[in-house]
Protein backbone atom coordinates (compact mmCIF):
# COMPACT_ATOMS: atom_id res chain seq x y z
CA MET A 1 16.83 41.34 -10.31
CA GLU A 2 15.99 45.04 -9.61
CA ASN A 3 18.76 45.15 -6.85
CA ARG A 4 21.20 43.48 -9.05
CA ASN A 5 20.69 45.82 -11.95
CA GLY A 6 20.51 49.02 -9.93
CA GLY A 7 16.66 49.19 -9.41
CA ALA A 8 14.66 49.77 -6.32
CA GLY A 9 16.08 48.86 -2.89
CA ARG A 10 19.65 49.64 -3.93
CA THR A 11 21.81 51.90 -1.83
CA SER A 12 25.00 53.26 -3.52
CA ILE A 13 28.31 53.08 -1.68
CA ALA A 14 28.96 56.93 -1.95
CA ARG A 15 25.51 57.47 -0.33
CA ARG A 16 26.34 54.86 2.46
CA TRP A 17 29.86 56.20 2.93
CA ILE A 18 28.74 59.78 3.16
CA MET A 19 25.61 59.13 5.48
CA ASN A 20 27.85 57.06 7.77
CA SER A 21 30.90 59.20 7.92
CA VAL A 22 29.17 62.50 7.74
CA GLY A 23 26.44 61.22 10.15
CA LEU A 24 29.19 59.77 12.74
CA LEU A 25 31.20 63.18 12.37
CA LEU A 26 27.99 65.28 12.65
CA LEU A 27 27.29 63.35 16.00
CA ILE A 28 30.96 63.71 17.31
CA VAL A 29 30.63 67.47 16.15
CA VAL A 30 27.40 67.91 18.07
CA ILE A 31 28.61 66.08 21.18
CA LEU A 32 31.90 68.01 21.14
CA VAL A 33 29.98 71.53 20.69
CA ALA A 34 27.70 70.64 23.33
CA ALA A 35 30.53 69.70 25.75
CA LEU A 36 32.49 72.71 24.99
CA SER A 37 29.47 74.90 25.35
CA PHE A 38 28.82 73.67 28.76
CA ALA A 39 32.60 73.90 29.57
CA VAL A 40 32.72 77.53 28.45
CA GLN A 41 29.41 78.47 30.24
CA GLY A 42 30.73 76.69 33.50
CA TYR A 43 34.09 78.37 33.21
CA VAL A 44 32.44 81.94 32.72
CA TYR A 45 29.80 81.27 35.36
CA ASN A 46 32.39 80.14 37.75
CA GLY A 47 34.38 83.04 37.23
CA ILE A 48 31.48 85.31 38.09
CA GLN A 49 30.70 83.18 41.15
CA SER A 50 34.24 83.28 42.33
CA ALA A 51 33.99 87.16 41.96
CA LEU A 52 30.65 87.27 43.97
CA ASN A 53 32.24 84.96 46.49
CA GLY A 54 35.26 87.17 47.03
CA ARG A 55 33.23 90.19 47.45
CA SER A 56 30.96 88.50 49.96
CA ASP A 57 33.88 87.25 52.12
CA GLU A 58 34.96 90.68 52.70
CA LEU A 59 31.71 91.20 54.87
CA THR A 60 33.47 89.29 57.69
CA ASN A 61 35.82 92.37 58.02
CA VAL A 62 33.14 94.94 57.37
CA PHE A 63 30.81 93.54 60.23
CA SER A 64 33.24 91.90 62.36
CA THR A 65 32.22 93.81 65.39
CA TYR A 66 30.28 96.99 64.81
CA GLY A 67 26.97 96.36 63.10
CA ARG A 68 26.19 93.02 64.45
CA LYS A 69 24.82 93.97 67.86
CA SER A 70 21.48 94.91 66.60
CA ALA A 71 19.39 95.17 63.53
CA ALA A 72 19.67 99.01 63.45
CA GLN A 73 23.23 98.96 63.85
CA PHE A 74 23.56 96.40 60.96
CA LEU A 75 21.23 98.79 58.72
CA SER A 76 23.54 101.77 59.34
CA VAL A 77 26.73 99.96 58.61
CA ALA A 78 25.12 98.28 55.70
CA ARG A 79 24.07 101.57 53.91
CA SER A 80 27.47 102.96 54.36
CA TYR A 81 28.92 99.88 52.90
CA VAL A 82 26.59 100.02 49.83
CA GLU A 83 27.21 103.78 49.36
CA ASN A 84 31.12 103.33 49.39
CA PHE A 85 30.88 99.98 47.45
CA PRO A 86 33.47 100.31 44.49
CA ASN A 87 32.04 97.78 41.90
CA LYS A 88 28.47 99.44 41.52
CA GLU A 89 28.70 99.34 37.84
CA SER A 90 29.41 95.50 37.71
CA MET A 91 27.20 94.20 40.32
CA GLU A 92 24.32 95.35 42.30
CA LEU A 93 24.02 95.36 46.20
CA MET A 94 21.01 94.72 48.19
CA VAL A 95 20.48 95.29 51.93
CA ILE A 96 18.06 92.98 53.48
CA ASN A 97 16.60 93.30 56.82
CA GLN A 98 16.24 90.68 59.47
CA SER A 99 12.46 90.16 58.24
CA GLY A 100 13.79 89.43 54.67
CA LYS A 101 12.73 92.58 52.94
CA VAL A 102 14.90 94.65 50.84
CA ILE A 103 15.66 97.95 52.47
CA THR A 104 17.99 99.62 49.97
CA THR A 105 19.91 98.82 46.78
CA SER A 106 22.98 100.13 45.18
CA VAL A 107 21.17 101.22 41.94
CA GLY A 108 18.99 103.89 43.90
CA PHE A 109 15.81 102.70 42.64
CA ALA A 110 12.91 101.21 44.85
CA PRO A 111 13.23 97.43 45.13
CA ASP A 112 10.64 95.12 43.85
CA GLN A 113 9.25 93.45 46.99
CA SER A 114 7.47 90.81 45.03
CA GLU A 115 10.61 89.21 43.58
CA GLN A 116 11.59 85.97 45.00
CA ILE A 117 15.06 85.66 46.72
CA PRO A 118 15.98 82.04 46.75
CA ASP A 119 19.65 82.73 47.68
CA TYR A 120 18.53 84.62 50.80
CA ASN A 121 16.25 81.71 51.86
CA ALA A 122 19.14 79.27 51.36
CA ALA A 123 21.71 81.58 53.29
CA VAL A 124 19.13 81.61 56.28
CA SER A 125 18.87 77.95 56.56
CA SER A 126 22.52 76.95 55.92
CA ALA A 127 25.13 76.55 58.46
CA ASP A 128 27.62 78.88 56.96
CA ASP A 129 25.07 81.69 56.30
CA TYR A 130 25.77 81.54 52.63
CA GLY A 131 23.28 81.10 49.63
CA THR A 132 23.55 81.36 45.73
CA TRP A 133 21.05 81.38 43.08
CA THR A 134 21.21 81.55 39.19
CA GLY A 135 17.91 82.17 37.53
CA THR A 136 15.79 84.62 35.63
CA LEU A 137 13.99 87.76 37.01
CA LYS A 138 10.47 88.81 36.45
CA SER A 139 11.81 91.33 34.05
CA GLY A 140 13.25 88.28 31.95
CA GLU A 141 16.71 89.06 32.98
CA ARG A 142 18.98 86.23 33.90
CA VAL A 143 20.99 87.11 37.00
CA MET A 144 23.48 85.32 39.55
CA ALA A 145 22.86 86.25 43.07
CA VAL A 146 24.86 85.57 46.52
CA THR A 147 23.69 86.45 49.83
CA ARG A 148 25.40 86.37 53.18
CA VAL A 149 23.45 86.60 56.35
CA ILE A 150 24.88 88.55 59.20
CA ARG A 151 24.01 87.38 62.64
CA ASN A 152 24.70 88.66 66.28
CA GLU A 153 26.54 87.36 69.24
CA VAL A 154 23.72 84.77 70.06
CA SER A 155 23.61 83.62 66.31
CA SER A 156 20.21 85.63 65.50
CA PRO A 157 20.13 87.17 61.97
CA VAL A 158 20.33 91.11 62.05
CA GLY A 159 20.25 91.39 58.20
CA ALA A 160 22.01 90.32 55.02
CA ILE A 161 23.84 91.55 52.14
CA ARG A 162 22.88 90.37 48.54
CA TYR A 163 25.10 90.65 45.47
CA VAL A 164 23.49 90.34 42.14
CA VAL A 165 25.33 90.23 38.76
CA SER A 166 23.44 90.42 35.25
CA LEU A 167 24.22 87.39 33.20
CA GLN A 168 23.31 89.05 29.85
CA GLU A 169 26.71 90.14 28.71
CA ALA A 170 28.17 86.96 30.02
CA ASP A 171 25.25 85.06 28.07
CA ARG A 172 26.07 87.17 25.07
CA GLN A 173 29.79 86.18 25.23
CA ILE A 174 28.84 82.46 25.68
CA PHE A 175 26.36 82.41 22.64
CA THR A 176 29.31 84.04 20.68
CA LEU A 177 31.71 81.57 21.58
CA VAL A 178 29.07 78.75 21.23
CA GLY A 179 28.17 80.28 17.73
CA ALA A 180 32.06 79.96 16.75
CA LEU A 181 32.25 76.61 17.76
CA MET A 182 28.99 75.60 15.73
CA LEU A 183 30.28 77.39 12.90
CA SER A 184 33.85 75.63 13.14
CA GLY A 185 32.12 72.31 13.16
CA ALA A 186 29.95 73.12 10.24
CA ILE A 187 32.95 74.01 8.36
CA VAL A 188 34.77 70.69 9.46
CA ILE A 189 31.54 68.82 8.39
CA LEU A 190 31.42 70.79 5.17
CA PHE A 191 35.08 69.98 4.45
CA VAL A 192 34.66 66.18 5.33
CA PHE A 193 31.50 66.02 3.18
CA VAL A 194 33.47 67.56 0.30
CA SER A 195 36.65 65.62 0.56
CA SER A 196 34.53 62.38 1.04
CA HIS A 197 32.66 63.22 -2.09
CA TYR A 198 35.88 63.61 -4.08
CA PHE A 199 37.53 60.64 -2.38
CA ILE A 200 34.62 58.21 -3.02
CA ARG A 201 34.38 59.60 -6.70
CA SER A 202 38.06 58.65 -7.00
CA ILE A 203 37.15 55.00 -5.97
CA LEU A 204 33.75 54.62 -7.56
CA THR A 205 34.78 55.79 -11.13
CA PRO A 206 37.26 53.10 -11.47
CA ILE A 207 35.11 50.57 -9.81
CA ARG A 208 32.36 51.37 -12.12
CA GLN A 209 34.95 50.97 -15.16
CA ILE A 210 35.94 47.60 -13.70
CA GLY A 211 32.29 46.43 -13.37
CA ALA A 212 31.57 47.55 -17.07
CA THR A 213 34.71 45.63 -18.11
CA ALA A 214 34.02 42.46 -15.99
CA LYS A 215 30.49 42.57 -17.42
CA LEU A 216 32.10 42.44 -20.97
CA ILE A 217 34.40 39.65 -20.03
CA ALA A 218 31.35 37.69 -18.58
CA GLN A 219 29.57 38.21 -21.90
CA GLY A 220 32.61 36.47 -23.73
CA ASP A 221 34.53 39.51 -24.71
CA PHE A 222 37.98 38.30 -23.56
CA LYS A 223 39.78 41.10 -25.29
CA ALA A 224 38.24 43.82 -22.99
CA ARG A 225 40.79 45.35 -20.71
CA ILE A 226 40.74 47.95 -17.92
CA VAL A 227 42.90 50.85 -18.03
CA LYS A 228 45.24 50.94 -14.90
CA THR A 229 45.02 54.64 -13.56
CA ASN A 230 46.11 54.11 -9.71
CA ASN A 231 49.08 52.22 -8.57
CA ASP A 232 47.05 51.06 -5.35
CA GLU A 233 44.78 48.28 -4.49
CA LEU A 234 42.37 49.35 -7.29
CA GLY A 235 45.27 49.06 -9.62
CA ASP A 236 46.26 45.65 -8.36
CA LEU A 237 42.44 44.60 -8.90
CA CYS A 238 42.78 46.05 -12.68
CA ASP A 239 45.89 43.80 -12.98
CA THR A 240 44.03 41.07 -11.56
CA ILE A 241 41.11 41.25 -13.83
CA ASN A 242 43.14 41.67 -16.91
CA ASP A 243 45.16 38.57 -16.00
CA MET A 244 42.01 36.76 -15.40
CA ALA A 245 40.86 37.91 -18.87
CA ASP A 246 43.98 36.82 -20.52
CA GLU A 247 43.54 33.35 -18.79
CA LEU A 248 40.05 33.15 -19.86
CA GLY A 249 40.92 33.85 -23.34
CA GLN A 250 43.55 31.15 -23.25
CA ASN A 251 41.18 28.95 -21.83
CA GLU A 252 38.73 29.72 -24.31
CA LYS A 253 41.10 29.25 -27.29
CA MET A 254 42.44 25.93 -25.78
CA LYS A 255 38.84 24.68 -25.30
CA ASN A 256 37.98 25.49 -28.92
CA ASP A 257 41.20 23.79 -30.14
CA PHE A 258 40.25 20.71 -27.98
CA ILE A 259 36.90 20.70 -29.50
CA SER A 260 38.53 20.86 -33.07
CA SER A 261 41.03 18.33 -32.18
CA VAL A 262 38.53 15.68 -30.62
CA SER A 263 36.21 16.30 -33.62
CA HIS A 264 39.13 15.59 -35.94
CA GLU A 265 40.16 12.55 -33.84
CA LEU A 266 36.66 11.24 -34.00
CA ARG A 267 36.25 11.91 -37.63
CA THR A 268 39.30 10.11 -38.85
CA PRO A 269 38.33 6.57 -37.63
CA LEU A 270 34.77 7.00 -38.37
CA THR A 271 35.44 7.92 -41.98
CA ALA A 272 37.66 4.88 -42.18
CA ILE A 273 34.99 2.64 -40.60
CA LYS A 274 32.43 4.05 -42.98
CA GLY A 275 34.45 3.63 -46.12
CA TRP A 276 35.37 0.09 -45.52
CA ALA A 277 31.95 -0.90 -44.26
CA GLU A 278 30.43 0.58 -47.47
CA THR A 279 33.05 -1.32 -49.39
CA ILE A 280 32.30 -4.58 -47.81
CA GLU A 281 28.61 -4.19 -48.09
CA SER A 282 28.92 -3.88 -51.80
CA GLY A 283 29.86 -7.40 -51.88
CA GLU A 284 32.42 -6.81 -54.53
CA THR A 285 35.61 -7.51 -52.35
CA ASP A 286 37.61 -10.67 -52.36
CA GLY A 287 38.71 -12.55 -49.35
CA ALA A 288 41.93 -10.68 -48.64
CA THR A 289 40.16 -7.25 -49.21
CA PHE A 290 37.46 -8.29 -46.84
CA ARG A 291 39.83 -9.34 -44.04
CA ARG A 292 41.98 -6.19 -44.57
CA GLY A 293 38.83 -4.15 -44.34
CA MET A 294 37.50 -5.76 -41.21
CA GLY A 295 40.96 -5.44 -39.65
CA ILE A 296 40.88 -1.69 -40.21
CA ILE A 297 37.43 -1.48 -38.92
CA VAL A 298 38.40 -3.38 -35.62
CA GLY A 299 41.39 -1.33 -35.28
CA GLU A 300 39.78 2.03 -35.82
CA THR A 301 37.06 0.90 -33.52
CA GLU A 302 39.58 0.28 -30.77
CA ARG A 303 41.05 3.68 -31.59
CA LEU A 304 37.40 5.36 -31.14
CA SER A 305 36.97 3.46 -27.95
CA GLY A 306 40.42 4.57 -26.59
CA ILE A 307 39.39 8.36 -27.44
CA VAL A 308 35.80 8.07 -25.68
CA GLU A 309 37.44 6.39 -22.72
CA GLU A 310 40.06 9.03 -22.41
CA LEU A 311 37.42 11.70 -22.59
CA LEU A 312 35.42 9.89 -19.93
CA ASP A 313 38.46 9.78 -17.73
CA PHE A 314 39.01 13.47 -18.32
CA SER A 315 35.34 14.24 -17.30
CA ARG A 316 35.91 12.24 -14.13
CA MET A 317 39.14 14.04 -13.32
CA GLN A 318 37.22 17.49 -13.81
CA SER A 319 34.45 16.48 -11.56
CA GLY A 320 36.76 14.89 -8.87
CA ARG A 321 35.03 11.49 -9.31
CA MET A 322 38.14 9.77 -10.53
CA THR A 323 38.85 6.64 -8.35
CA LEU A 324 41.63 4.18 -7.95
CA THR A 325 41.54 0.49 -7.19
CA MET A 326 44.77 0.23 -5.10
CA ASP A 327 46.78 -2.73 -4.78
CA ARG A 328 50.45 -3.96 -4.32
CA ILE A 329 51.72 -4.26 -8.00
CA ASP A 330 55.07 -4.94 -9.64
CA LEU A 331 55.37 -1.55 -11.72
CA LEU A 332 58.28 -3.12 -13.83
CA ALA A 333 55.90 -5.62 -15.42
CA GLU A 334 53.40 -2.71 -16.44
CA LEU A 335 56.29 -0.67 -17.88
CA GLY A 336 57.62 -3.64 -19.75
CA ALA A 337 54.06 -4.38 -21.06
CA ALA A 338 53.44 -1.00 -22.26
CA VAL A 339 56.95 -0.94 -24.00
CA TYR A 340 56.15 -4.03 -25.67
CA MET A 341 52.80 -2.56 -26.92
CA PHE A 342 54.68 0.25 -28.85
CA SER A 343 57.49 -1.80 -30.06
CA GLU A 344 55.88 -2.75 -33.24
CA ARG A 345 54.59 0.65 -33.99
CA ALA A 346 58.02 2.17 -33.65
CA ARG A 347 59.43 -0.48 -36.14
CA ASN A 348 56.57 0.38 -38.55
CA GLU A 349 57.20 4.26 -38.24
CA GLY A 350 61.09 3.65 -38.64
CA LYS A 351 61.81 4.71 -35.01
CA PHE A 352 63.78 3.08 -32.20
CA LEU A 353 62.37 2.06 -28.99
CA VAL A 354 65.22 1.14 -26.42
CA TYR A 355 64.17 -0.16 -23.07
CA ASP A 356 67.00 -0.28 -20.42
CA GLU A 357 65.03 -2.90 -18.19
CA PRO A 358 66.45 -3.22 -14.52
CA ALA A 359 66.75 -6.66 -12.97
CA MET A 360 64.24 -5.93 -10.27
CA LEU A 361 62.51 -3.10 -8.58
CA PRO A 362 60.31 -3.06 -5.43
CA PRO A 363 56.59 -3.31 -5.55
CA VAL A 364 54.37 -0.06 -5.41
CA LEU A 365 50.96 0.66 -4.28
CA GLY A 366 48.73 1.88 -7.15
CA ASP A 367 46.01 1.30 -9.66
CA ILE A 368 47.43 -1.14 -12.39
CA ASN A 369 45.14 0.18 -15.14
CA ARG A 370 45.75 3.94 -14.23
CA LEU A 371 49.56 3.39 -14.00
CA ARG A 372 49.37 1.60 -17.52
CA GLN A 373 47.68 4.38 -18.93
CA VAL A 374 50.22 7.04 -17.81
CA PHE A 375 52.93 4.88 -19.46
CA VAL A 376 50.77 4.61 -22.75
CA ASN A 377 50.00 8.34 -22.88
CA VAL A 378 53.79 9.33 -22.44
CA LEU A 379 54.99 6.71 -24.87
CA ASP A 380 52.39 7.65 -27.50
CA ASN A 381 53.55 11.43 -27.21
CA ALA A 382 57.23 10.65 -27.38
CA LEU A 383 56.59 8.45 -30.77
CA LYS A 384 54.12 11.15 -32.20
CA TYR A 385 56.80 13.87 -31.69
CA THR A 386 59.90 11.93 -32.80
CA GLN A 387 60.87 12.03 -36.44
CA GLU A 388 61.69 8.87 -38.40
CA GLY A 389 65.08 7.41 -37.44
CA GLY A 390 64.74 8.97 -33.98
CA THR A 391 65.18 7.11 -30.61
CA ILE A 392 62.98 6.76 -27.46
CA ASN A 393 64.90 5.54 -24.41
CA VAL A 394 63.09 4.07 -21.46
CA SER A 395 64.74 3.68 -18.11
CA ALA A 396 63.52 2.73 -14.51
CA GLU A 397 65.67 2.59 -11.21
CA GLU A 398 64.91 3.21 -7.61
CA GLU A 399 65.95 6.38 -5.90
CA GLY A 400 65.37 7.51 -2.42
CA GLY A 401 62.15 5.26 -1.63
CA PHE A 402 60.96 6.23 -5.24
CA ILE A 403 60.53 4.24 -8.48
CA ARG A 404 61.83 6.70 -11.15
CA VAL A 405 61.05 6.13 -14.66
CA VAL A 406 62.45 8.18 -17.63
CA ILE A 407 61.02 8.25 -21.02
CA ALA A 408 63.21 10.32 -23.30
CA ASP A 409 63.18 11.10 -27.04
CA ASP A 410 65.31 13.12 -29.46
CA GLY A 411 62.19 14.60 -31.16
CA CYS A 412 61.25 18.06 -31.98
CA GLY A 413 61.17 19.26 -28.25
CA ILE A 414 58.89 21.88 -26.65
CA PRO A 415 59.47 25.59 -27.18
CA ALA A 416 60.41 27.38 -23.77
CA GLU A 417 57.24 29.46 -23.94
CA HIS A 418 54.97 26.38 -24.17
CA LEU A 419 56.66 24.14 -21.38
CA PRO A 420 54.91 25.49 -18.41
CA ASN A 421 51.50 24.78 -19.83
CA VAL A 422 51.73 21.41 -21.51
CA LYS A 423 50.25 19.52 -18.35
CA LYS A 424 47.29 22.02 -18.61
CA LYS A 425 44.10 20.78 -19.76
CA PHE A 426 43.29 21.36 -23.59
CA TYR A 427 46.82 22.60 -24.08
CA LYS A 428 48.56 21.60 -27.16
CA ALA A 429 52.06 23.18 -28.13
CA ASN A 430 51.87 21.80 -31.58
CA GLN A 431 48.42 21.77 -33.44
CA THR A 432 49.75 19.98 -36.52
CA VAL A 433 50.11 16.62 -34.53
CA ARG A 434 46.99 14.55 -33.85
CA GLY A 435 45.59 14.36 -30.13
CA SER A 436 43.18 15.76 -27.84
CA GLY A 437 45.50 17.71 -25.56
CA ILE A 438 44.38 16.01 -22.44
CA GLY A 439 46.73 13.08 -22.32
CA LEU A 440 49.32 14.55 -20.18
CA ALA A 441 46.93 16.44 -17.94
CA LEU A 442 45.21 12.96 -17.17
CA ALA A 443 48.65 11.46 -16.62
CA ASP A 444 49.82 14.11 -14.22
CA GLU A 445 46.50 13.85 -12.31
CA ILE A 446 46.86 10.02 -11.93
CA MET A 447 50.45 10.51 -10.69
CA THR A 448 49.19 13.09 -8.06
CA LEU A 449 46.64 10.75 -6.84
CA HIS A 450 49.44 8.02 -6.44
CA SER A 451 51.29 10.47 -4.38
CA GLY A 452 53.93 10.86 -7.13
CA SER A 453 54.67 13.49 -9.81
CA LEU A 454 55.35 13.79 -13.51
CA GLU A 455 57.92 16.16 -14.42
CA ILE A 456 58.85 17.44 -18.18
CA ASP A 457 62.09 18.64 -19.30
CA SER A 458 62.47 19.61 -22.94
CA HIS A 459 64.55 21.72 -25.26
CA GLU A 460 63.45 22.72 -28.73
CA SER A 461 65.04 20.51 -31.54
CA VAL A 462 66.95 18.66 -28.86
CA GLY A 463 64.21 16.41 -27.29
CA THR A 464 61.97 15.87 -24.34
CA ALA A 465 62.34 13.80 -21.13
CA VAL A 466 59.47 12.71 -18.98
CA THR A 467 60.33 11.66 -15.46
CA ILE A 468 57.64 9.69 -13.47
CA ARG A 469 58.28 9.19 -9.85
CA ILE A 470 56.14 6.94 -7.47
CA PRO A 471 56.81 5.95 -3.92
CA THR A 472 57.51 2.23 -3.09
CA PHE A 473 55.29 0.12 -1.21
CA ARG A 474 57.98 0.15 1.81
CA ARG A 475 58.07 3.95 1.80
CA LEU A 476 54.59 4.18 2.03
CA GLU A 477 54.46 1.88 4.94
CA ASN A 478 57.11 3.58 6.79
CA ASP A 479 55.52 6.96 6.28
CA ALA A 480 52.27 5.59 7.52
CA GLN A 481 53.79 4.15 10.74
CA GLU A 482 55.72 7.58 11.29
CA ASN A 483 52.28 9.43 10.99
CA ALA A 484 50.57 7.05 13.42
CA GLN A 485 53.48 7.17 15.92
CA ALA A 486 53.30 11.19 15.64
CA THR A 487 49.51 11.01 16.04
CA GLU A 488 49.71 8.77 19.06
CA LYS A 489 52.43 10.92 20.55
CA THR A 490 50.23 14.10 20.11
CA GLN A 491 47.16 12.41 21.59
CA GLN A 492 49.32 11.28 24.56
CA GLU A 493 50.70 14.83 25.10
CA GLU A 494 47.18 16.14 25.05
CA ARG A 495 46.12 13.67 27.72
CA ASP A 496 49.02 14.22 29.85
CA SER A 497 48.22 18.17 29.62
């Protein structure tokens, strides 16, 4: 319950969105900044390395002949090279004798002999007399160094020249660039955070409104509506929930009307039964009155039984438990029996029930009791909504492998706004006429279970025509045979493949 009502354990959409989006972006920015930082450092260091290599390559010309015969000659030429070196301000030169000791430098200060020279050691042991090193001196200064070893004619080292460049300025530039990248990344993250916050608010605010309105609807307030502010998916959701509220409100009204109608339908025969039972019980009735009272009691009891049975059928339909006992039947006989059942009622009410009976119709596959119930419900409605002196016409014919039964009256008709809903459960277009409002819904469900249909065409003040269609037994056999052949063909194709 705590999670459902916003208690402990709940994580808001906004928090998840921001954590996920900003967290992912932060990871991407960190990776990108790190990659760019390494790229910048590599680019700057490679430039310095190229400059050192370019300077060291000129030693081939400087010591091409003179200065390579002996260590003394090398030191003489090396000192001259250092003194005349044009880039003393940007890099330091060191002259190293054949013992690996620094003899002189371009800065003019006495060299620190305890300082390690890894690049010199690498150059001595390499095949191309070249060595490089990037690291930190004892003073804490980061440097990059390149050493070239000079050898005599018999490949013995006579000395080496070492180029050293301080990386402090380069590192300062790299740090500035990395800082700028990090600042840019932070600005991007901040921008995304702020924009995500406002974007989430633009979604969560209407969602909270939708949730609050949906809660009111769930509590039975079907007049609650959501104000649509966006013409997007959220706007569509608002429309859907408002439509749902309209539908629920209509269903609630129809349910209440249904309960009221059924209560009235049950009360009327019960009142008659109770009244006549009390009259007979008094013992003050003659034989004719007794017989009349018993007839009314029996008739009203049958009426009550019919109402209860209709409600039970409706309950089965709602729960999907309505079952059919299918058999090959003569639909014409059942239609004739239903017409005959209502003929006496039509005469008593001053109405005309005209049946255009065909000579013969092919048999159908159906539940005899359920199909009779369809005819009874439709004929009962036709008589109820036809005024005295009106006519109900019943006809039947075969049409395209279907039996088509039409029951048409010239009664009050159904208004156009009610026509799409008359087959819905509980719906009654005219509340002044007796009935529960489930007869047509039940009849339509029965025809659907028979692979048929029930269609209604009506015009107000003109009349209503109900068309019932059900496939013939032969058509069902042909359809079943075609389906079996198609299935067999498909299975054969699958086996062949």
